[in-house]
Amino acid sequence: MFDASETQMKRNLFCFPNDNTRCVLQQTAENNVYQFSIKTYEQIDFDYIEFLFNQKDENYFYYSNNMSIKRSLEEAFLKKDGIQYLSPEIVLLYKSTYLNSADATKHEHDFKSSLPFLSSEQKQWLKSSLETCHPAIHVWIPKL
């Protein structure tokens, strides 16, 4: 059984062929930990895939950066045309931690583009989660 009180390591798996020129792995200061980035030019071919491994139990999805933040499974995972996907407010929460990265402009664009489509409840969940994760005010909080 998953124990949300334990510290969990965030795990992502990126799969791409050796001849892929869009994907770059850069080693970090931690042993066997790499930073993945994608060059900014347009993706024409489906030439990589990312798997995000997160924790859940029978009732909740847990945010890997702070296990006290959770979302019910029916709210965390949405489905359209038989395809299940992570809810936009959770995706934005993950993106909120990378506003000082090379992808910051993309994350800000995603936030601004998504905001009109979020329900009041989704906005409130994201705001509360941002306040938990970022004790100093996060730039998105006033916009929610």
C-alpha atoms as a PDB file:
ATOM      1  CA  MET A   1       0.000   0.000   0.000  1.00  0.00           C
ATOM      2  CA  PHE A   2       1.204   3.485  -0.851  1.00  0.00           C
ATOM      3  CA  ASP A   3       2.126   5.659   2.151  1.00  0.00           C
ATOM      4  CA  ALA A   4       1.620   9.363   1.351  1.00  0.00           C
ATOM      5  CA  SER A   5       3.658  10.402   4.398  1.00  0.00           C
ATOM      6  CA  GLU A   6       6.843   8.969   2.877  1.00  0.00           C
ATOM      7  CA  THR A   7       9.073  11.096   0.668  1.00  0.00           C
ATOM      8  CA  GLN A   8       8.734   9.977  -2.925  1.00  0.00           C
ATOM      9  CA  MET A   9      11.089  10.589  -5.829  1.00  0.00           C
ATOM     10  CA  LYS A  10       9.523  12.004  -8.969  1.00  0.00           C
ATOM     11  CA  ARG A  11      10.020   9.595 -11.839  1.00  0.00           C
ATOM     12  CA  ASN A  12       9.653  10.255 -15.531  1.00  0.00           C
ATOM     13  CA  LEU A  13      10.600   7.982 -18.367  1.00  0.00           C
ATOM     14  CA  PHE A  14      11.439   9.456 -21.775  1.00  0.00           C
ATOM     15  CA  CYS A  15      11.652   7.190 -24.793  1.00  0.00           C
ATOM     16  CA  PHE A  16      13.164   8.361 -28.062  1.00  0.00           C
ATOM     17  CA  PRO A  17      15.354   6.888 -30.803  1.00  0.00           C
ATOM     18  CA  ASN A  18      19.104   7.558 -30.965  1.00  0.00           C
ATOM     19  CA  ASP A  19      18.724   9.667 -34.112  1.00  0.00           C
ATOM     20  CA  ASN A  20      16.201  12.033 -32.504  1.00  0.00           C
ATOM     21  CA  THR A  21      17.539  15.589 -32.733  1.00  0.00           C
ATOM     22  CA  ARG A  22      14.769  17.274 -30.713  1.00  0.00           C
ATOM     23  CA  CYS A  23      15.375  15.609 -27.341  1.00  0.00           C
ATOM     24  CA  VAL A  24      18.327  16.396 -25.101  1.00  0.00           C
ATOM     25  CA  LEU A  25      19.392  14.750 -21.833  1.00  0.00           C
ATOM     26  CA  GLN A  26      21.707  16.703 -19.544  1.00  0.00           C
ATOM     27  CA  GLN A  27      23.179  15.130 -16.430  1.00  0.00           C
ATOM     28  CA  THR A  28      22.466  16.962 -13.181  1.00  0.00           C
ATOM     29  CA  ALA A  29      24.598  17.149 -10.048  1.00  0.00           C
ATOM     30  CA  GLU A  30      22.771  14.073  -8.712  1.00  0.00           C
ATOM     31  CA  ASN A  31      24.042  10.656  -9.713  1.00  0.00           C
ATOM     32  CA  ASN A  32      21.876   9.019 -12.414  1.00  0.00           C
ATOM     33  CA  VAL A  33      19.488  12.005 -12.574  1.00  0.00           C
ATOM     34  CA  TYR A  34      19.070  13.849 -15.851  1.00  0.00           C
ATOM     35  CA  GLN A  35      17.248  16.960 -17.011  1.00  0.00           C
ATOM     36  CA  PHE A  36      15.249  16.362 -20.167  1.00  0.00           C
ATOM     37  CA  SER A  37      14.566  19.164 -22.630  1.00  0.00           C
ATOM     38  CA  ILE A  38      13.063  19.483 -26.054  1.00  0.00           C
ATOM     39  CA  LYS A  39      14.372  21.880 -28.655  1.00  0.00           C
ATOM     40  CA  THR A  40      11.848  24.570 -29.492  1.00  0.00           C
ATOM     41  CA  TYR A  41      11.308  23.914 -33.174  1.00  0.00           C
ATOM     42  CA  GLU A  42       8.022  22.352 -34.242  1.00  0.00           C
ATOM     43  CA  GLN A  43       7.453  18.646 -33.720  1.00  0.00           C
ATOM     44  CA  ILE A  44       6.492  17.094 -37.049  1.00  0.00           C
ATOM     45  CA  ASP A  45       6.855  13.414 -36.204  1.00  0.00           C
ATOM     46  CA  PHE A  46       5.728  11.562 -33.135  1.00  0.00           C
ATOM     47  CA  ASP A  47       9.352  10.890 -32.241  1.00  0.00           C
ATOM     48  CA  TYR A  48       9.311  10.706 -28.442  1.00  0.00           C
ATOM     49  CA  ILE A  49       6.993   9.855 -25.593  1.00  0.00           C
ATOM     50  CA  GLU A  50       7.114  10.744 -21.903  1.00  0.00           C
ATOM     51  CA  PHE A  51       5.702   8.586 -19.141  1.00  0.00           C
ATOM     52  CA  LEU A  52       5.042  10.288 -15.814  1.00  0.00           C
ATOM     53  CA  PHE A  53       4.893   7.999 -12.805  1.00  0.00           C
ATOM     54  CA  ASN A  54       2.775   9.319  -9.967  1.00  0.00           C
ATOM     55  CA  GLN A  55       1.413   7.905  -6.749  1.00  0.00           C
ATOM     56  CA  LYS A  56      -2.215   7.065  -6.158  1.00  0.00           C
ATOM     57  CA  ASP A  57      -4.197   4.898  -3.838  1.00  0.00           C
ATOM     58  CA  GLU A  58      -7.757   3.642  -4.165  1.00  0.00           C
ATOM     59  CA  ASN A  59      -9.162   7.166  -3.674  1.00  0.00           C
ATOM     60  CA  TYR A  60      -6.565   9.814  -4.462  1.00  0.00           C
ATOM     61  CA  PHE A  61      -3.880  10.981  -6.866  1.00  0.00           C
ATOM     62  CA  TYR A  62      -0.892  12.490  -4.989  1.00  0.00           C
ATOM     63  CA  TYR A  63       1.219  15.348  -6.296  1.00  0.00           C
ATOM     64  CA  SER A  64       4.778  13.994  -6.354  1.00  0.00           C
ATOM     65  CA  ASN A  65       6.433  17.275  -5.277  1.00  0.00           C
ATOM     66  CA  ASN A  66       4.303  17.518  -2.120  1.00  0.00           C
ATOM     67  CA  MET A  67       2.353  14.461  -0.996  1.00  0.00           C
ATOM     68  CA  SER A  68       0.014  16.563   1.158  1.00  0.00           C
ATOM     69  CA  ILE A  69      -1.536  17.788  -2.100  1.00  0.00           C
ATOM     70  CA  LYS A  70      -3.984  15.298  -3.482  1.00  0.00           C
ATOM     71  CA  ARG A  71      -6.974  15.107  -5.812  1.00  0.00           C
ATOM     72  CA  SER A  72      -9.734  12.519  -5.939  1.00  0.00           C
ATOM     73  CA  LEU A  73      -9.175  10.063  -8.767  1.00  0.00           C
ATOM     74  CA  GLU A  74     -12.387  11.090 -10.548  1.00  0.00           C
ATOM     75  CA  GLU A  75     -11.223  14.720 -10.534  1.00  0.00           C
ATOM     76  CA  ALA A  76      -7.563  13.978 -11.272  1.00  0.00           C
ATOM     77  CA  PHE A  77      -8.187  11.843 -14.347  1.00  0.00           C
ATOM     78  CA  LEU A  78     -10.605  12.988 -17.021  1.00  0.00           C
ATOM     79  CA  LYS A  79     -11.738  11.062 -20.068  1.00  0.00           C
ATOM     80  CA  LYS A  80     -12.746  12.120 -23.565  1.00  0.00           C
ATOM     81  CA  ASP A  81     -13.530   9.762 -26.436  1.00  0.00           C
ATOM     82  CA  GLY A  82     -12.307   6.865 -24.300  1.00  0.00           C
ATOM     83  CA  ILE A  83      -8.887   8.439 -23.676  1.00  0.00           C
ATOM     84  CA  GLN A  84      -7.956   9.177 -20.064  1.00  0.00           C
ATOM     85  CA  TYR A  85      -5.763  12.199 -19.288  1.00  0.00           C
ATOM     86  CA  LEU A  86      -4.502  14.168 -16.313  1.00  0.00           C
ATOM     87  CA  SER A  87      -6.723  17.122 -15.408  1.00  0.00           C
ATOM     88  CA  PRO A  88      -5.455  20.544 -16.527  1.00  0.00           C
ATOM     89  CA  GLU A  89      -5.166  22.006 -13.025  1.00  0.00           C
ATOM     90  CA  ILE A  90      -2.759  19.214 -12.038  1.00  0.00           C
ATOM     91  CA  VAL A  91      -0.736  19.666 -15.228  1.00  0.00           C
ATOM     92  CA  LEU A  92      -0.536  23.396 -14.489  1.00  0.00           C
ATOM     93  CA  LEU A  93       0.598  22.675 -10.924  1.00  0.00           C
ATOM     94  CA  TYR A  94       3.510  20.666 -12.307  1.00  0.00           C
ATOM     95  CA  LYS A  95       4.309  23.437 -14.801  1.00  0.00           C
ATOM     96  CA  SER A  96       4.194  26.047 -12.004  1.00  0.00           C
ATOM     97  CA  THR A  97       7.488  24.776 -10.609  1.00  0.00           C
ATOM     98  CA  TYR A  98       9.357  25.464 -13.854  1.00  0.00           C
ATOM     99  CA  LEU A  99       8.778  29.197 -14.372  1.00  0.00           C
ATOM    100  CA  ASN A 100      12.509  29.846 -14.157  1.00  0.00           C
ATOM    101  CA  SER A 101      13.353  27.253 -16.809  1.00  0.00           C
ATOM    102  CA  ALA A 102      13.891  27.493 -20.547  1.00  0.00           C
ATOM    103  CA  ASP A 103      10.249  26.431 -20.961  1.00  0.00           C
ATOM    104  CA  ALA A 104       8.845  29.240 -18.795  1.00  0.00           C
ATOM    105  CA  THR A 105       7.251  31.072 -21.731  1.00  0.00           C
ATOM    106  CA  LYS A 106       5.455  27.891 -22.809  1.00  0.00           C
ATOM    107  CA  HIS A 107       4.207  27.230 -19.274  1.00  0.00           C
ATOM    108  CA  GLU A 108       2.926  30.786 -18.929  1.00  0.00           C
ATOM    109  CA  HIS A 109       1.172  30.443 -22.298  1.00  0.00           C
ATOM    110  CA  ASP A 110      -0.411  27.159 -21.179  1.00  0.00           C
ATOM    111  CA  PHE A 111      -1.633  28.803 -17.972  1.00  0.00           C
ATOM    112  CA  LYS A 112      -3.164  31.782 -19.784  1.00  0.00           C
ATOM    113  CA  SER A 113      -4.727  29.553 -22.444  1.00  0.00           C
ATOM    114  CA  SER A 114      -6.200  27.102 -19.928  1.00  0.00           C
ATOM    115  CA  LEU A 115      -7.509  29.569 -17.373  1.00  0.00           C
ATOM    116  CA  PRO A 116     -10.775  30.465 -19.170  1.00  0.00           C
ATOM    117  CA  PHE A 117     -11.670  26.768 -19.417  1.00  0.00           C
ATOM    118  CA  LEU A 118     -11.108  25.866 -15.764  1.00  0.00           C
ATOM    119  CA  SER A 119     -14.141  25.662 -13.496  1.00  0.00           C
ATOM    120  CA  SER A 120     -14.254  27.725 -10.301  1.00  0.00           C
ATOM    121  CA  GLU A 121     -13.509  24.558  -8.329  1.00  0.00           C
ATOM    122  CA  GLN A 122     -10.474  23.714 -10.488  1.00  0.00           C
ATOM    123  CA  LYS A 123      -9.143  27.265 -10.082  1.00  0.00           C
ATOM    124  CA  GLN A 124      -9.630  27.103  -6.309  1.00  0.00           C
ATOM    125  CA  TRP A 125      -7.835  23.735  -6.109  1.00  0.00           C
ATOM    126  CA  LEU A 126      -4.910  25.090  -8.159  1.00  0.00           C
ATOM    127  CA  LYS A 127      -4.730  28.269  -6.077  1.00  0.00           C
ATOM    128  CA  SER A 128      -4.739  26.337  -2.798  1.00  0.00           C
ATOM    129  CA  SER A 129      -2.115  23.933  -4.134  1.00  0.00           C
ATOM    130  CA  LEU A 130       0.108  26.796  -5.310  1.00  0.00           C
ATOM    131  CA  GLU A 131      -0.179  28.436  -1.878  1.00  0.00           C
ATOM    132  CA  THR A 132       0.908  25.149  -0.277  1.00  0.00           C
ATOM    133  CA  CYS A 133       3.840  24.608  -2.642  1.00  0.00           C
ATOM    134  CA  HIS A 134       5.083  28.167  -2.872  1.00  0.00           C
ATOM    135  CA  PRO A 135       5.038  29.919   0.531  1.00  0.00           C
ATOM    136  CA  ALA A 136       6.268  33.097  -1.165  1.00  0.00           C
ATOM    137  CA  ILE A 137       3.465  34.163  -3.460  1.00  0.00           C
ATOM    138  CA  HIS A 138       3.460  32.481  -6.841  1.00  0.00           C
ATOM    139  CA  VAL A 139       2.825  34.778  -9.825  1.00  0.00           C
ATOM    140  CA  TRP A 140      -0.246  32.773 -10.871  1.00  0.00           C
ATOM    141  CA  ILE A 141      -2.078  33.053  -7.523  1.00  0.00           C
ATOM    142  CA  PRO A 142      -3.446  36.600  -8.068  1.00  0.00           C
ATOM    143  CA  LYS A 143      -4.750  35.531 -11.493  1.00  0.00           C
ATOM    144  CA  LEU A 144      -6.847  32.753  -9.974  1.00  0.00           C
END
